[in-house]
PDB file of N, CA and C in Angstrom:
ATOM      1  N   ASP A   1      12.746  -1.477  13.403  1.00  0.00           N
ATOM      2  CA  ASP A   1      11.546  -0.808  13.157  1.00  0.00           C
ATOM      3  C   ASP A   1      10.766  -0.519  14.422  1.00  0.00           C
ATOM      4  N   LEU A   2      10.011   0.567  14.344  1.00  0.00           N
ATOM      5  CA  LEU A   2       9.106   0.957  15.605  1.00  0.00           C
ATOM      6  C   LEU A   2       7.951   0.032  15.664  1.00  0.00           C
ATOM      7  N   PRO A   3       7.435  -0.124  16.888  1.00  0.00           N
ATOM      8  CA  PRO A   3       6.167  -0.932  17.011  1.00  0.00           C
ATOM      9  C   PRO A   3       4.991  -0.164  16.362  1.00  0.00           C
ATOM     10  N   PRO A   4       4.054  -0.880  15.876  1.00  0.00           N
ATOM     11  CA  PRO A   4       2.912  -0.255  15.139  1.00  0.00           C
ATOM     12  C   PRO A   4       2.216   0.831  15.978  1.00  0.00           C
ATOM     13  N   SER A   5       2.097   0.753  17.325  1.00  0.00           N
ATOM     14  CA  SER A   5       1.508   1.819  18.101  1.00  0.00           C
ATOM     15  C   SER A   5       2.194   3.040  18.042  1.00  0.00           C
ATOM     16  N   SER A   6       3.543   3.142  17.797  1.00  0.00           N
ATOM     17  CA  SER A   6       4.263   4.328  17.812  1.00  0.00           C
ATOM     18  C   SER A   6       4.713   4.878  16.375  1.00  0.00           C
ATOM     19  N   ARG A   7       4.126   4.262  15.326  1.00  0.00           N
ATOM     20  CA  ARG A   7       4.526   4.619  13.993  1.00  0.00           C
ATOM     21  C   ARG A   7       3.595   5.639  13.498  1.00  0.00           C
ATOM     22  N   HIS A   8       4.041   6.393  12.534  1.00  0.00           N
ATOM     23  CA  HIS A   8       3.246   7.383  11.720  1.00  0.00           C
ATOM     24  C   HIS A   8       3.224   7.093  10.363  1.00  0.00           C
ATOM     25  N   ILE A   9       2.191   7.509   9.591  1.00  0.00           N
ATOM     26  CA  ILE A   9       2.028   7.299   8.302  1.00  0.00           C
ATOM     27  C   ILE A   9       3.015   7.938   7.360  1.00  0.00           C
ATOM     28  N   GLY A  10       3.663   8.988   7.901  1.00  0.00           N
ATOM     29  CA  GLY A  10       4.560   9.780   7.048  1.00  0.00           C
ATOM     30  C   GLY A  10       5.728   9.008   6.307  1.00  0.00           C
ATOM     31  N   PRO A  11       6.504   8.288   7.082  1.00  0.00           N
ATOM     32  CA  PRO A  11       7.590   7.480   6.460  1.00  0.00           C
ATOM     33  C   PRO A  11       7.224   6.605   5.321  1.00  0.00           C
ATOM     34  N   SER A  12       6.056   6.067   5.358  1.00  0.00           N
ATOM     35  CA  SER A  12       5.648   4.982   4.316  1.00  0.00           C
ATOM     36  C   SER A  12       4.223   5.124   4.095  1.00  0.00           C
ATOM     37  N   GLY A  13       3.688   6.289   3.855  1.00  0.00           N
ATOM     38  CA  GLY A  13       2.261   6.493   3.655  1.00  0.00           C
ATOM     39  C   GLY A  13       1.776   6.670   2.205  1.00  0.00           C
ATOM     40  N   CYS A  14       2.708   6.815   1.302  1.00  0.00           N
ATOM     41  CA  CYS A  14       2.288   7.005  -0.107  1.00  0.00           C
ATOM     42  C   CYS A  14       1.656   5.759  -0.666  1.00  0.00           C
ATOM     43  N   ALA A  15       2.099   4.682  -0.407  1.00  0.00           N
ATOM     44  CA  ALA A  15       1.447   3.452  -1.097  1.00  0.00           C
ATOM     45  C   ALA A  15       0.168   3.117  -0.454  1.00  0.00           C
ATOM     46  N   PRO A  16       0.162   3.082   0.942  1.00  0.00           N
ATOM     47  CA  PRO A  16      -1.198   2.864   1.552  1.00  0.00           C
ATOM     48  C   PRO A  16      -2.267   3.848   1.138  1.00  0.00           C
ATOM     49  N   SER A  17      -1.921   5.177   0.999  1.00  0.00           N
ATOM     50  CA  SER A  17      -2.680   6.191   0.612  1.00  0.00           C
ATOM     51  C   SER A  17      -3.314   6.085  -0.854  1.00  0.00           C
ATOM     52  N   SER A  18      -2.458   5.705  -1.643  1.00  0.00           N
ATOM     53  CA  SER A  18      -2.781   5.502  -3.013  1.00  0.00           C
ATOM     54  C   SER A  18      -3.584   4.198  -3.262  1.00  0.00           C
ATOM     55  N   LEU A  19      -3.263   3.144  -2.493  1.00  0.00           N
ATOM     56  CA  LEU A  19      -4.106   1.886  -2.595  1.00  0.00           C
ATOM     57  C   LEU A  19      -5.412   2.168  -2.015  1.00  0.00           C
ATOM     58  N   ALA A  20      -5.600   2.895  -0.908  1.00  0.00           N
ATOM     59  CA  ALA A  20      -6.833   3.208  -0.404  1.00  0.00           C
ATOM     60  C   ALA A  20      -7.691   3.948  -1.340  1.00  0.00           C
ATOM     61  N   ILE A  21      -7.217   4.930  -2.045  1.00  0.00           N
ATOM     62  CA  ILE A  21      -7.818   5.815  -2.938  1.00  0.00           C
ATOM     63  C   ILE A  21      -8.328   4.915  -4.128  1.00  0.00           C
ATOM     64  N   ALA A  22      -7.420   4.141  -4.653  1.00  0.00           N
ATOM     65  CA  ALA A  22      -7.735   3.359  -5.786  1.00  0.00           C
ATOM     66  C   ALA A  22      -8.881   2.238  -5.412  1.00  0.00           C
ATOM     67  N   TYR A  23      -8.598   1.516  -4.314  1.00  0.00           N
ATOM     68  CA  TYR A  23      -9.553   0.555  -3.965  1.00  0.00           C
ATOM     69  C   TYR A  23     -10.968   1.148  -3.650  1.00  0.00           C
ATOM     70  N   SER A  24     -10.969   2.257  -2.902  1.00  0.00           N
ATOM     71  CA  SER A  24     -12.207   2.929  -2.545  1.00  0.00           C
ATOM     72  C   SER A  24     -13.047   3.325  -3.840  1.00  0.00           C
ATOM     73  N   THR A  25     -12.226   3.859  -4.827  1.00  0.00           N
ATOM     74  CA  THR A  25     -12.788   4.407  -6.022  1.00  0.00           C
ATOM     75  C   THR A  25     -13.356   3.293  -6.888  1.00  0.00           C
ATOM     76  N   LEU A  26     -12.488   2.230  -7.145  1.00  0.00           N
ATOM     77  CA  LEU A  26     -12.858   1.303  -8.028  1.00  0.00           C
ATOM     78  C   LEU A  26     -13.927   0.297  -7.509  1.00  0.00           C
ATOM     79  N   TRP A  27     -14.012   0.059  -6.150  1.00  0.00           N
ATOM     80  CA  TRP A  27     -14.933  -0.944  -5.534  1.00  0.00           C
ATOM     81  C   TRP A  27     -15.818  -0.357  -4.801  1.00  0.00           C
ATOM     82  N   GLY A  28     -15.958   0.965  -4.609  1.00  0.00           N
ATOM     83  CA  GLY A  28     -16.957   1.700  -3.853  1.00  0.00           C
ATOM     84  C   GLY A  28     -17.018   1.443  -2.396  1.00  0.00           C
ATOM     85  N   THR A  29     -15.840   1.210  -1.861  1.00  0.00           N
ATOM     86  CA  THR A  29     -15.738   1.013  -0.387  1.00  0.00           C
ATOM     87  C   THR A  29     -15.374   2.222   0.322  1.00  0.00           C
ATOM     88  N   LYS A  30     -15.294   2.148   1.597  1.00  0.00           N
ATOM     89  CA  LYS A  30     -14.815   3.264   2.381  1.00  0.00           C
ATOM     90  C   LYS A  30     -13.487   3.048   3.050  1.00  0.00           C
ATOM     91  N   THR A  31     -12.627   2.415   2.216  1.00  0.00           N
ATOM     92  CA  THR A  31     -11.272   2.046   2.755  1.00  0.00           C
ATOM     93  C   THR A  31     -10.407   3.382   2.875  1.00  0.00           C
ATOM     94  N   THR A  32      -9.764   3.320   4.026  1.00  0.00           N
ATOM     95  CA  THR A  32      -8.916   4.607   4.401  1.00  0.00           C
ATOM     96  C   THR A  32      -7.384   4.241   4.384  1.00  0.00           C
ATOM     97  N   PRO A  33      -6.662   5.221   4.254  1.00  0.00           N
ATOM     98  CA  PRO A  33      -5.144   5.097   4.275  1.00  0.00           C
ATOM     99  C   PRO A  33      -4.659   4.323   5.618  1.00  0.00           C
ATOM    100  N   PRO A  34      -5.182   4.835   6.797  1.00  0.00           N
ATOM    101  CA  PRO A  34      -4.811   4.140   8.022  1.00  0.00           C
ATOM    102  C   PRO A  34      -5.176   2.657   7.975  1.00  0.00           C
ATOM    103  N   GLU A  35      -6.259   2.292   7.471  1.00  0.00           N
ATOM    104  CA  GLU A  35      -6.617   0.792   7.391  1.00  0.00           C
ATOM    105  C   GLU A  35      -5.682   0.173   6.481  1.00  0.00           C
ATOM    106  N   VAL A  36      -5.251   0.582   5.320  1.00  0.00           N
ATOM    107  CA  VAL A  36      -4.305  -0.108   4.513  1.00  0.00           C
ATOM    108  C   VAL A  36      -2.924  -0.058   5.094  1.00  0.00           C
ATOM    109  N   ALA A  37      -2.641   1.093   5.841  1.00  0.00           N
ATOM    110  CA  ALA A  37      -1.169   1.138   6.428  1.00  0.00           C
ATOM    111  C   ALA A  37      -1.191   0.101   7.567  1.00  0.00           C
ATOM    112  N   ALA A  38      -2.228  -0.054   8.282  1.00  0.00           N
ATOM    113  CA  ALA A  38      -2.214  -1.021   9.380  1.00  0.00           C
ATOM    114  C   ALA A  38      -2.120  -2.465   8.743  1.00  0.00           C
ATOM    115  N   PHE A  39      -2.664  -2.746   7.640  1.00  0.00           N
ATOM    116  CA  PHE A  39      -2.504  -4.123   6.972  1.00  0.00           C
ATOM    117  C   PHE A  39      -1.036  -4.206   6.542  1.00  0.00           C
ATOM    118  N   ALA A  40      -0.398  -3.198   6.060  1.00  0.00           N
ATOM    119  CA  ALA A  40       0.868  -3.211   5.561  1.00  0.00           C
ATOM    120  C   ALA A  40       1.853  -3.564   6.672  1.00  0.00           C
ATOM    121  N   VAL A  41       1.564  -2.876   7.898  1.00  0.00           N
ATOM    122  CA  VAL A  41       2.464  -3.088   9.046  1.00  0.00           C
ATOM    123  C   VAL A  41       2.269  -4.618   9.424  1.00  0.00           C
ATOM    124  N   LYS A  42       1.032  -4.967   9.632  1.00  0.00           N
ATOM    125  CA  LYS A  42       0.711  -6.346  10.162  1.00  0.00           C
ATOM    126  C   LYS A  42       1.331  -7.383   9.211  1.00  0.00           C
ATOM    127  N   GLU A  43       1.276  -7.270   7.880  1.00  0.00           N
ATOM    128  CA  GLU A  43       1.719  -8.197   7.002  1.00  0.00           C
ATOM    129  C   GLU A  43       3.161  -7.992   6.660  1.00  0.00           C
ATOM    130  N   GLY A  44       3.847  -7.121   7.157  1.00  0.00           N
ATOM    131  CA  GLY A  44       5.379  -6.828   7.034  1.00  0.00           C
ATOM    132  C   GLY A  44       5.751  -6.274   5.806  1.00  0.00           C
ATOM    133  N   PHE A  45       4.837  -5.400   5.213  1.00  0.00           N
ATOM    134  CA  PHE A  45       5.143  -4.670   4.016  1.00  0.00           C
ATOM    135  C   PHE A  45       5.600  -3.226   4.197  1.00  0.00           C
ATOM    136  N   SER A  46       5.646  -2.775   5.423  1.00  0.00           N
ATOM    137  CA  SER A  46       5.941  -1.389   5.778  1.00  0.00           C
ATOM    138  C   SER A  46       7.114  -1.246   6.656  1.00  0.00           C
ATOM    139  N   SER A  47       7.969  -0.232   6.367  1.00  0.00           N
ATOM    140  CA  SER A  47       9.115   0.007   7.171  1.00  0.00           C
ATOM    141  C   SER A  47       9.065   1.289   7.873  1.00  0.00           C
ATOM    142  N   ALA A  48       9.548   1.572   9.065  1.00  0.00           N
ATOM    143  CA  ALA A  48       9.534   2.767   9.827  1.00  0.00           C
ATOM    144  C   ALA A  48      10.577   3.679   9.434  1.00  0.00           C
ATOM    145  N   HIS A  49      11.499   3.153   8.591  1.00  0.00           N
ATOM    146  CA  HIS A  49      12.677   4.051   8.112  1.00  0.00           C
ATOM    147  C   HIS A  49      12.175   5.010   7.016  1.00  0.00           C
ATOM    148  N   GLU A  50      12.813   6.213   7.046  1.00  0.00           N
ATOM    149  CA  GLU A  50      12.490   7.206   6.122  1.00  0.00           C
ATOM    150  C   GLU A  50      12.934   6.685   4.715  1.00  0.00           C
ATOM    151  N   TYR A  51      12.275   7.057   3.697  1.00  0.00           N
ATOM    152  CA  TYR A  51      12.544   6.701   2.321  1.00  0.00           C
ATOM    153  C   TYR A  51      13.145   7.931   1.509  1.00  0.00           C
ATOM    154  N   PRO A  52      14.234   7.879   0.922  1.00  0.00           N
ATOM    155  CA  PRO A  52      14.953   6.646   0.738  1.00  0.00           C
ATOM    156  C   PRO A  52      16.098   6.562   1.872  1.00  0.00           C
ATOM    157  N   ALA A  53      16.286   5.478   2.418  1.00  0.00           N
ATOM    158  CA  ALA A  53      17.352   5.198   3.422  1.00  0.00           C
ATOM    159  C   ALA A  53      18.207   4.114   2.984  1.00  0.00           C
ATOM    160  N   LYS A  54      19.392   4.049   3.688  1.00  0.00           N
ATOM    161  CA  LYS A  54      20.133   2.754   3.192  1.00  0.00           C
ATOM    162  C   LYS A  54      19.479   1.595   3.773  1.00  0.00           C
ATOM    163  N   GLU A  55      18.734   1.644   4.946  1.00  0.00           N
ATOM    164  CA  GLU A  55      17.891   0.431   5.226  1.00  0.00           C
ATOM    165  C   GLU A  55      16.729   0.541   4.402  1.00  0.00           C
ATOM    166  N   ALA A  56      15.968  -0.589   4.302  1.00  0.00           N
ATOM    167  CA  ALA A  56      14.718  -0.674   3.467  1.00  0.00           C
ATOM    168  C   ALA A  56      13.790   0.305   4.092  1.00  0.00           C
ATOM    169  N   GLY A  57      13.426   1.255   3.305  1.00  0.00           N
ATOM    170  CA  GLY A  57      12.397   2.208   3.664  1.00  0.00           C
ATOM    171  C   GLY A  57      11.101   2.252   2.886  1.00  0.00           C
ATOM    172  N   GLY A  58      10.158   2.888   3.428  1.00  0.00           N
ATOM    173  CA  GLY A  58       8.913   2.950   2.652  1.00  0.00           C
ATOM    174  C   GLY A  58       8.072   1.779   2.761  1.00  0.00           C
ATOM    175  N   THR A  59       7.278   1.435   1.716  1.00  0.00           N
ATOM    176  CA  THR A  59       6.412   0.322   1.627  1.00  0.00           C
ATOM    177  C   THR A  59       6.818  -0.484   0.554  1.00  0.00           C
ATOM    178  N   ASP A  60       6.943  -1.821   0.764  1.00  0.00           N
ATOM    179  CA  ASP A  60       7.163  -2.872  -0.192  1.00  0.00           C
ATOM    180  C   ASP A  60       5.923  -2.987  -1.138  1.00  0.00           C
ATOM    181  N   MET A  61       6.174  -2.892  -2.371  1.00  0.00           N
ATOM    182  CA  MET A  61       5.044  -2.889  -3.320  1.00  0.00           C
ATOM    183  C   MET A  61       4.402  -4.233  -3.375  1.00  0.00           C
ATOM    184  N   GLY A  62       4.867  -5.215  -2.718  1.00  0.00           N
ATOM    185  CA  GLY A  62       4.189  -6.513  -2.493  1.00  0.00           C
ATOM    186  C   GLY A  62       2.781  -6.256  -1.839  1.00  0.00           C
ATOM    187  N   LEU A  63       2.723  -5.191  -1.150  1.00  0.00           N
ATOM    188  CA  LEU A  63       1.460  -4.815  -0.494  1.00  0.00           C
ATOM    189  C   LEU A  63       0.301  -4.853  -1.428  1.00  0.00           C
ATOM    190  N   ILE A  64       0.409  -4.508  -2.643  1.00  0.00           N
ATOM    191  CA  ILE A  64      -0.745  -4.359  -3.553  1.00  0.00           C
ATOM    192  C   ILE A  64      -1.224  -5.733  -3.807  1.00  0.00           C
ATOM    193  N   LYS A  65      -0.328  -6.638  -4.172  1.00  0.00           N
ATOM    194  CA  LYS A  65      -0.833  -8.132  -4.438  1.00  0.00           C
ATOM    195  C   LYS A  65      -1.406  -8.758  -3.175  1.00  0.00           C
ATOM    196  N   ALA A  66      -0.829  -8.451  -2.006  1.00  0.00           N
ATOM    197  CA  ALA A  66      -1.275  -9.118  -0.787  1.00  0.00           C
ATOM    198  C   ALA A  66      -2.619  -8.466  -0.472  1.00  0.00           C
ATOM    199  N   TRP A  67      -2.843  -7.192  -0.698  1.00  0.00           N
ATOM    200  CA  TRP A  67      -4.196  -6.607  -0.424  1.00  0.00           C
ATOM    201  C   TRP A  67      -5.249  -7.184  -1.316  1.00  0.00           C
ATOM    202  N   ALA A  68      -4.869  -7.331  -2.615  1.00  0.00           N
ATOM    203  CA  ALA A  68      -5.729  -7.927  -3.686  1.00  0.00           C
ATOM    204  C   ALA A  68      -6.071  -9.331  -3.267  1.00  0.00           C
ATOM    205  N   LYS A  69      -5.144 -10.107  -2.872  1.00  0.00           N
ATOM    206  CA  LYS A  69      -5.377 -11.499  -2.422  1.00  0.00           C
ATOM    207  C   LYS A  69      -6.392 -11.492  -1.219  1.00  0.00           C
ATOM    208  N   GLU A  70      -6.071 -10.644  -0.205  1.00  0.00           N
ATOM    209  CA  GLU A  70      -6.802 -10.636   1.041  1.00  0.00           C
ATOM    210  C   GLU A  70      -8.401 -10.247   0.677  1.00  0.00           C
ATOM    211  N   HIS A  71      -8.459  -9.412  -0.364  1.00  0.00           N
ATOM    212  CA  HIS A  71      -9.838  -8.941  -0.689  1.00  0.00           C
ATOM    213  C   HIS A  71     -10.424  -9.510  -1.955  1.00  0.00           C
ATOM    214  N   ASP A  72      -9.824 -10.778  -2.280  1.00  0.00           N
ATOM    215  CA  ASP A  72     -10.479 -11.575  -3.341  1.00  0.00           C
ATOM    216  C   ASP A  72     -10.510 -10.820  -4.609  1.00  0.00           C
ATOM    217  N   THR A  73      -9.466  -9.947  -4.951  1.00  0.00           N
ATOM    218  CA  THR A  73      -9.441  -9.163  -6.089  1.00  0.00           C
ATOM    219  C   THR A  73      -8.216  -9.469  -7.019  1.00  0.00           C
ATOM    220  N   ASP A  74      -8.524  -9.337  -8.257  1.00  0.00           N
ATOM    221  CA  ASP A  74      -7.281  -9.565  -9.122  1.00  0.00           C
ATOM    222  C   ASP A  74      -6.438  -8.288  -9.334  1.00  0.00           C
ATOM    223  N   VAL A  75      -5.240  -8.401  -9.524  1.00  0.00           N
ATOM    224  CA  VAL A  75      -4.360  -7.219  -9.754  1.00  0.00           C
ATOM    225  C   VAL A  75      -3.397  -7.563 -10.927  1.00  0.00           C
ATOM    226  N   LYS A  76      -3.129  -6.603 -11.730  1.00  0.00           N
ATOM    227  CA  LYS A  76      -2.070  -6.819 -12.777  1.00  0.00           C
ATOM    228  C   LYS A  76      -1.283  -5.570 -12.843  1.00  0.00           C
ATOM    229  N   THR A  77       0.086  -5.742 -12.966  1.00  0.00           N
ATOM    230  CA  THR A  77       0.974  -4.573 -13.015  1.00  0.00           C
ATOM    231  C   THR A  77       1.304  -4.398 -14.419  1.00  0.00           C
ATOM    232  N   THR A  78       1.654  -3.134 -14.875  1.00  0.00           N
ATOM    233  CA  THR A  78       2.079  -2.859 -16.251  1.00  0.00           C
ATOM    234  C   THR A  78       2.764  -1.486 -16.225  1.00  0.00           C
ATOM    235  N   LYS A  79       3.710  -1.358 -17.138  1.00  0.00           N
ATOM    236  CA  LYS A  79       4.313  -0.102 -17.365  1.00  0.00           C
ATOM    237  C   LYS A  79       3.770   0.615 -18.714  1.00  0.00           C
ATOM    238  N   ASP A  80       2.896  -0.009 -19.269  1.00  0.00           N
ATOM    239  CA  ASP A  80       2.351   0.338 -20.568  1.00  0.00           C
ATOM    240  C   ASP A  80       1.119   1.413 -20.312  1.00  0.00           C
ATOM    241  N   ILE A  81       1.243   2.623 -20.575  1.00  0.00           N
ATOM    242  CA  ILE A  81       0.221   3.659 -20.317  1.00  0.00           C
ATOM    243  C   ILE A  81      -0.989   3.334 -21.084  1.00  0.00           C
ATOM    244  N   GLY A  82      -0.916   2.841 -22.266  1.00  0.00           N
ATOM    245  CA  GLY A  82      -2.160   2.574 -22.899  1.00  0.00           C
ATOM    246  C   GLY A  82      -2.916   1.344 -22.326  1.00  0.00           C
ATOM    247  N   GLU A  83      -2.182   0.352 -21.897  1.00  0.00           N
ATOM    248  CA  GLU A  83      -2.841  -0.794 -21.195  1.00  0.00           C
ATOM    249  C   GLU A  83      -3.482  -0.257 -19.851  1.00  0.00           C
ATOM    250  N   LEU A  84      -2.803   0.567 -19.192  1.00  0.00           N
ATOM    251  CA  LEU A  84      -3.368   1.195 -17.945  1.00  0.00           C
ATOM    252  C   LEU A  84      -4.615   2.016 -18.253  1.00  0.00           C
ATOM    253  N   ARG A  85      -4.606   2.774 -19.235  1.00  0.00           N
ATOM    254  CA  ARG A  85      -5.762   3.554 -19.710  1.00  0.00           C
ATOM    255  C   ARG A  85      -6.925   2.647 -20.016  1.00  0.00           C
ATOM    256  N   ASP A  86      -6.631   1.609 -20.900  1.00  0.00           N
ATOM    257  CA  ASP A  86      -7.702   0.685 -21.244  1.00  0.00           C
ATOM    258  C   ASP A  86      -8.298  -0.104 -20.042  1.00  0.00           C
ATOM    259  N   GLY A  87      -7.596  -0.349 -18.989  1.00  0.00           N
ATOM    260  CA  GLY A  87      -8.032  -1.084 -17.818  1.00  0.00           C
ATOM    261  C   GLY A  87      -8.946  -0.253 -16.983  1.00  0.00           C
TER     262      GLY A  87
END
């Protein structure tokens, strides 16, 4: 993996961007994708490899639970669209 100073959001920016948008919207913060991406790199949830690659690429979805814990927020995952809508 590349050092954080030489990495770009492109190879693994989808999850940090989505999380920043959701967190900002739901909690009224000014959280940015680069802020979440920096957290992902610091905590080891981000790979510099292009996705999909034979090596682990993209962002490990453990980022979401780690971000929630860091920000004293609960998180629940679901594949049920009705449950998602109700939440």
